């Protein structure tokens, strides 16, 4: 496997994305602290705070959503296989990507509402 394939595989790992989000938001907060003394950069500081929060949500919170949905999916496959063809489990199994996307949209809308 090429190096680029390994990097892409690591990038799609949810645990890596969770910690990457924490590190990136911390890095942006560091840049925020460095520029706090410059009174002319208030808009830049507000932008960095919003960007830091969104990067944290994009990588960390969205990874937690994906980890939770995959955990529920694997639980039902492993321990609840006899009831997998009954509702609401059947609907969840068919639409797990839509459910994940909907939760991510809800979190994004909530973040922009709170920001």
Protein backbone atom coordinates (compact mmCIF):
# COMPACT_ATOMS: atom_id res chain seq x y z
CA UNK A 1 0.00 0.00 0.00
CA UNK A 2 1.31 3.44 -0.89
CA UNK A 3 1.95 6.07 1.73
CA UNK A 4 -0.99 8.16 0.51
CA UNK A 5 -3.32 5.18 0.99
CA UNK A 6 -2.09 4.76 4.56
CA UNK A 7 -2.59 8.46 5.29
CA UNK A 8 -6.14 8.36 3.94
CA UNK A 9 -6.86 5.24 6.01
CA UNK A 10 -5.61 6.96 9.18
CA UNK A 11 -7.57 10.13 8.36
CA UNK A 12 -10.83 8.19 8.17
CA UNK A 13 -10.20 6.58 11.56
CA UNK A 14 -12.73 8.14 13.95
CA UNK A 15 -10.44 8.05 16.98
CA UNK A 16 -7.70 9.86 15.04
CA UNK A 17 -10.21 12.48 13.89
CA UNK A 18 -11.45 12.96 17.47
CA UNK A 19 -7.97 13.74 18.81
CA UNK A 20 -7.05 15.71 15.67
CA UNK A 21 -10.01 18.00 16.37
CA UNK A 22 -8.84 18.60 19.92
CA UNK A 23 -5.29 19.36 18.79
CA UNK A 24 -6.38 21.68 15.98
CA UNK A 25 -8.78 23.64 18.19
CA UNK A 26 -6.01 23.95 20.80
CA UNK A 27 -3.64 25.24 18.13
CA UNK A 28 -6.14 27.87 17.05
CA UNK A 29 -6.67 28.88 20.70
CA UNK A 30 -2.88 29.28 20.96
CA UNK A 31 -2.98 31.65 17.99
CA UNK A 32 -5.82 33.47 19.69
CA UNK A 33 -3.80 33.97 22.87
CA UNK A 34 -0.81 35.26 20.88
CA UNK A 35 -2.98 37.91 19.18
CA UNK A 36 -5.02 38.96 22.23
CA UNK A 37 -2.82 42.03 22.92
CA UNK A 38 -3.45 43.55 19.49
CA UNK A 39 -6.59 45.67 19.89
CA UNK A 40 -6.96 46.08 16.12
CA UNK A 41 -7.59 42.40 15.58
CA UNK A 42 -10.88 41.96 17.46
CA UNK A 43 -12.63 40.67 14.35
CA UNK A 44 -9.75 38.28 13.74
CA UNK A 45 -10.00 37.04 17.34
CA UNK A 46 -13.75 36.45 17.00
CA UNK A 47 -13.11 34.61 13.75
CA UNK A 48 -10.50 32.39 15.44
CA UNK A 49 -12.87 31.55 18.29
CA UNK A 50 -15.63 30.58 15.85
CA UNK A 51 -13.19 28.61 13.70
CA UNK A 52 -11.78 26.80 16.72
CA UNK A 53 -15.24 25.79 17.87
CA UNK A 54 -16.29 24.62 14.45
CA UNK A 55 -13.10 22.59 13.93
CA UNK A 56 -13.66 20.98 17.31
CA UNK A 57 -17.24 20.10 16.35
CA UNK A 58 -16.33 19.00 12.86
CA UNK A 59 -13.65 16.57 13.92
CA UNK A 60 -14.43 15.63 17.52
CA UNK A 61 -18.20 15.78 17.90
CA UNK A 62 -18.89 14.38 14.44
CA UNK A 63 -16.46 11.53 15.13
CA UNK A 64 -18.36 10.75 18.34
CA UNK A 65 -21.59 10.60 16.33
CA UNK A 66 -20.02 8.18 13.85
CA UNK A 67 -18.52 6.05 16.64
CA UNK A 68 -21.89 5.87 18.39
CA UNK A 69 -23.84 4.95 15.25
CA UNK A 70 -21.28 2.28 14.28
CA UNK A 71 -21.34 0.91 17.82
CA UNK A 72 -25.12 0.56 17.76
CA UNK A 73 -24.94 -1.03 14.31
CA UNK A 74 -22.33 -3.61 15.35
CA UNK A 75 -24.17 -4.35 18.61
CA UNK A 76 -27.34 -5.29 16.76
CA UNK A 77 -25.44 -7.40 14.24
CA UNK A 78 -23.53 -9.28 16.95
CA UNK A 79 -26.01 -9.64 19.84
CA UNK A 80 -29.46 -8.97 18.39
CA UNK A 81 -29.29 -10.74 15.05
CA UNK A 82 -32.64 -12.51 15.45
CA UNK A 83 -34.52 -9.20 15.74
CA UNK A 84 -32.62 -7.38 13.01
CA UNK A 85 -35.54 -7.69 10.55
CA UNK A 86 -38.02 -5.99 12.89
CA UNK A 87 -38.82 -2.32 13.16
CA UNK A 88 -37.26 0.07 14.29
CA UNK A 89 -33.95 -1.82 14.03
CA UNK A 90 -34.50 -2.60 10.35
CA UNK A 91 -35.10 1.08 9.61
CA UNK A 92 -31.97 2.03 11.56
CA UNK A 93 -29.85 -0.51 9.68
CA UNK A 94 -31.05 0.74 6.29
CA UNK A 95 -30.73 4.45 7.08
CA UNK A 96 -27.74 4.68 9.42
CA UNK A 97 -25.88 7.09 7.11
CA UNK A 98 -28.94 9.33 6.86
CA UNK A 99 -29.33 9.30 10.64
CA UNK A 100 -25.65 10.17 11.07
CA UNK A 101 -25.91 12.99 8.52
CA UNK A 102 -29.06 14.34 10.20
CA UNK A 103 -27.38 14.40 13.61
CA UNK A 104 -24.38 16.21 12.13
CA UNK A 105 -26.65 18.81 10.49
CA UNK A 106 -28.47 19.29 13.81
CA UNK A 107 -25.16 19.80 15.65
CA UNK A 108 -23.98 22.28 13.00
CA UNK A 109 -27.22 24.30 13.15
CA UNK A 110 -27.09 24.29 16.95
CA UNK A 111 -23.47 25.49 16.87
CA UNK A 112 -24.22 28.38 14.53
CA UNK A 113 -27.27 29.28 16.62
CA UNK A 114 -25.18 29.36 19.79
CA UNK A 115 -22.27 31.20 18.16
